[in-house]
Amino acid sequence: MRAVIDRFENGFAILELENGKMVNVPAELIPQGAREGDVILIEIDREETKKRQKRINDLFEKLKES
């Protein structure tokens, strides 16, 4: 999904989504150096999701063994 930074206001980035909706996102979640008019991408990282799930499962298995 793409979003355009419309503006920054009161600690928030106001983003316009592809469907035209406007959403407020805490500015600290926006990449440093981003400016009004920049297009940002919001995407799912399946590989990182798998790695995190594996770490959680491994920790759970260790707890069960204790």
N, C-alpha and C. Protein backbone atom coordinates (compact mmCIF):
# COMPACT_ATOMS: atom_id res chain seq x y z
N MET A 1 0.85 -1.16 0.00
CA MET A 1 0.00 0.00 0.00
C MET A 1 0.90 1.23 0.00
N ARG A 2 0.50 2.22 -0.73
CA ARG A 2 1.22 3.48 -0.77
C ARG A 2 0.41 4.53 -0.02
N ALA A 3 1.13 5.47 0.59
CA ALA A 3 0.49 6.59 1.27
C ALA A 3 1.34 7.83 0.99
N VAL A 4 0.68 8.96 0.87
CA VAL A 4 1.37 10.22 0.64
C VAL A 4 1.32 11.03 1.93
N ILE A 5 2.45 11.58 2.32
CA ILE A 5 2.48 12.44 3.50
C ILE A 5 1.87 13.78 3.11
N ASP A 6 0.71 14.06 3.64
CA ASP A 6 0.03 15.32 3.35
C ASP A 6 0.67 16.46 4.13
N ARG A 7 0.92 16.19 5.43
CA ARG A 7 1.52 17.22 6.28
C ARG A 7 1.90 16.61 7.63
N PHE A 8 2.64 17.38 8.40
CA PHE A 8 2.96 17.02 9.78
C PHE A 8 2.25 18.04 10.67
N GLU A 9 1.64 17.53 11.74
CA GLU A 9 0.84 18.40 12.61
C GLU A 9 0.76 17.81 14.01
N ASN A 10 1.17 18.60 15.01
CA ASN A 10 1.05 18.19 16.42
C ASN A 10 1.61 16.80 16.71
N GLY A 11 2.77 16.50 16.17
CA GLY A 11 3.40 15.21 16.44
C GLY A 11 2.87 14.06 15.59
N PHE A 12 2.05 14.36 14.61
CA PHE A 12 1.49 13.33 13.73
C PHE A 12 1.83 13.62 12.28
N ALA A 13 1.94 12.56 11.50
CA ALA A 13 2.00 12.69 10.05
C ALA A 13 0.59 12.38 9.56
N ILE A 14 0.04 13.28 8.77
CA ILE A 14 -1.28 13.05 8.19
C ILE A 14 -1.03 12.44 6.82
N LEU A 15 -1.47 11.20 6.66
CA LEU A 15 -1.23 10.45 5.42
C LEU A 15 -2.51 10.34 4.62
N GLU A 16 -2.36 10.43 3.30
CA GLU A 16 -3.48 10.14 2.41
C GLU A 16 -3.23 8.77 1.81
N LEU A 17 -4.15 7.85 2.09
CA LEU A 17 -4.03 6.48 1.59
C LEU A 17 -4.49 6.40 0.14
N GLU A 18 -4.22 5.27 -0.48
CA GLU A 18 -4.60 5.07 -1.89
C GLU A 18 -6.10 5.23 -2.13
N ASN A 19 -6.89 4.92 -1.11
CA ASN A 19 -8.34 5.02 -1.27
C ASN A 19 -8.86 6.43 -0.98
N GLY A 20 -7.94 7.37 -0.73
CA GLY A 20 -8.34 8.75 -0.47
C GLY A 20 -8.57 9.08 0.99
N LYS A 21 -8.59 8.06 1.84
CA LYS A 21 -8.79 8.30 3.27
C LYS A 21 -7.57 8.97 3.86
N MET A 22 -7.81 9.83 4.85
CA MET A 22 -6.72 10.49 5.57
C MET A 22 -6.60 9.83 6.94
N VAL A 23 -5.36 9.53 7.35
CA VAL A 23 -5.13 8.91 8.65
C VAL A 23 -3.99 9.64 9.36
N ASN A 24 -4.07 9.69 10.68
CA ASN A 24 -3.02 10.27 11.51
C ASN A 24 -2.13 9.16 12.03
N VAL A 25 -0.84 9.32 11.83
CA VAL A 25 0.14 8.34 12.29
C VAL A 25 1.17 9.08 13.13
N PRO A 26 1.51 8.55 14.31
CA PRO A 26 2.55 9.22 15.09
C PRO A 26 3.80 9.46 14.23
N ALA A 27 4.30 10.68 14.27
CA ALA A 27 5.43 11.06 13.41
C ALA A 27 6.65 10.18 13.63
N GLU A 28 6.83 9.64 14.85
CA GLU A 28 8.01 8.81 15.09
C GLU A 28 7.96 7.49 14.32
N LEU A 29 6.82 7.12 13.77
CA LEU A 29 6.72 5.90 12.96
C LEU A 29 7.06 6.14 11.49
N ILE A 30 7.25 7.39 11.12
CA ILE A 30 7.55 7.75 9.74
C ILE A 30 9.08 7.77 9.58
N PRO A 31 9.60 7.25 8.47
CA PRO A 31 11.06 7.26 8.29
C PRO A 31 11.65 8.66 8.43
N GLN A 32 12.81 8.72 9.09
CA GLN A 32 13.49 10.00 9.26
C GLN A 32 13.80 10.61 7.91
N GLY A 33 13.64 11.91 7.83
CA GLY A 33 13.94 12.62 6.59
C GLY A 33 12.76 12.73 5.64
N ALA A 34 11.66 12.02 5.96
CA ALA A 34 10.48 12.09 5.09
C ALA A 34 9.87 13.49 5.19
N ARG A 35 9.34 13.95 4.08
CA ARG A 35 8.77 15.30 4.02
C ARG A 35 7.37 15.25 3.42
N GLU A 36 6.68 16.36 3.53
CA GLU A 36 5.36 16.49 2.92
C GLU A 36 5.48 16.18 1.43
N GLY A 37 4.54 15.41 0.93
CA GLY A 37 4.53 15.04 -0.48
C GLY A 37 5.25 13.74 -0.78
N ASP A 38 6.06 13.24 0.17
CA ASP A 38 6.76 11.97 -0.05
C ASP A 38 5.76 10.81 -0.04
N VAL A 39 6.05 9.83 -0.87
CA VAL A 39 5.26 8.60 -0.91
C VAL A 39 5.98 7.57 -0.06
N ILE A 40 5.25 6.95 0.87
CA ILE A 40 5.83 5.88 1.68
C ILE A 40 5.08 4.59 1.39
N LEU A 41 5.75 3.49 1.62
CA LEU A 41 5.16 2.17 1.39
C LEU A 41 4.86 1.50 2.72
N ILE A 42 3.72 0.85 2.79
CA ILE A 42 3.34 0.05 3.94
C ILE A 42 3.18 -1.37 3.40
N GLU A 43 4.03 -2.28 3.91
CA GLU A 43 4.00 -3.63 3.37
C GLU A 43 4.20 -4.66 4.46
N ILE A 44 3.88 -5.88 4.13
CA ILE A 44 4.06 -7.01 5.04
C ILE A 44 5.39 -7.67 4.72
N ASP A 45 6.17 -7.94 5.74
CA ASP A 45 7.44 -8.63 5.58
C ASP A 45 7.24 -10.07 6.05
N ARG A 46 6.89 -10.95 5.13
CA ARG A 46 6.58 -12.35 5.46
C ARG A 46 7.78 -13.08 6.05
N GLU A 47 8.98 -12.82 5.52
CA GLU A 47 10.16 -13.49 6.04
C GLU A 47 10.41 -13.13 7.50
N GLU A 48 10.31 -11.84 7.84
CA GLU A 48 10.52 -11.42 9.22
C GLU A 48 9.44 -11.99 10.13
N THR A 49 8.21 -12.07 9.61
CA THR A 49 7.11 -12.66 10.38
C THR A 49 7.43 -14.11 10.72
N LYS A 50 7.92 -14.87 9.74
CA LYS A 50 8.27 -16.28 9.97
C LYS A 50 9.38 -16.40 11.02
N LYS A 51 10.41 -15.54 10.91
CA LYS A 51 11.51 -15.58 11.87
C LYS A 51 11.02 -15.31 13.29
N ARG A 52 10.16 -14.32 13.44
CA ARG A 52 9.64 -13.98 14.76
C ARG A 52 8.79 -15.12 15.32
N GLN A 53 7.97 -15.72 14.47
CA GLN A 53 7.14 -16.83 14.93
C GLN A 53 8.00 -18.00 15.38
N LYS A 54 9.09 -18.26 14.64
CA LYS A 54 9.98 -19.35 15.01
C LYS A 54 10.65 -19.06 16.35
N ARG A 55 11.12 -17.83 16.56
CA ARG A 55 11.74 -17.47 17.84
C ARG A 55 10.77 -17.65 19.00
N ILE A 56 9.54 -17.22 18.80
CA ILE A 56 8.52 -17.35 19.85
C ILE A 56 8.24 -18.82 20.13
N ASN A 57 8.10 -19.61 19.09
CA ASN A 57 7.85 -21.05 19.27
C ASN A 57 9.02 -21.73 19.98
N ASP A 58 10.25 -21.36 19.60
CA ASP A 58 11.43 -21.94 20.26
C ASP A 58 11.45 -21.60 21.75
N LEU A 59 11.16 -20.34 22.07
CA LEU A 59 11.12 -19.94 23.48
C LEU A 59 10.03 -20.69 24.24
N PHE A 60 8.89 -20.85 23.62
CA PHE A 60 7.79 -21.57 24.25
C PHE A 60 8.20 -23.03 24.52
N GLU A 61 8.86 -23.65 23.57
CA GLU A 61 9.30 -25.04 23.74
C GLU A 61 10.30 -25.14 24.88
N LYS A 62 11.21 -24.17 25.00
CA LYS A 62 12.17 -24.17 26.11
C LYS A 62 11.47 -24.04 27.44
N LEU A 63 10.44 -23.22 27.50
CA LEU A 63 9.68 -23.05 28.74
C LEU A 63 8.97 -24.36 29.11
N LYS A 64 8.43 -25.05 28.13
CA LYS A 64 7.73 -26.31 28.40
C LYS A 64 8.69 -27.36 28.94
N GLU A 65 9.95 -27.32 28.48
CA GLU A 65 10.95 -28.30 28.90
C GLU A 65 11.42 -28.04 30.33
N SER A 66 11.27 -26.84 30.81
CA SER A 66 11.79 -26.49 32.15
C SER A 66 10.94 -27.05 33.25
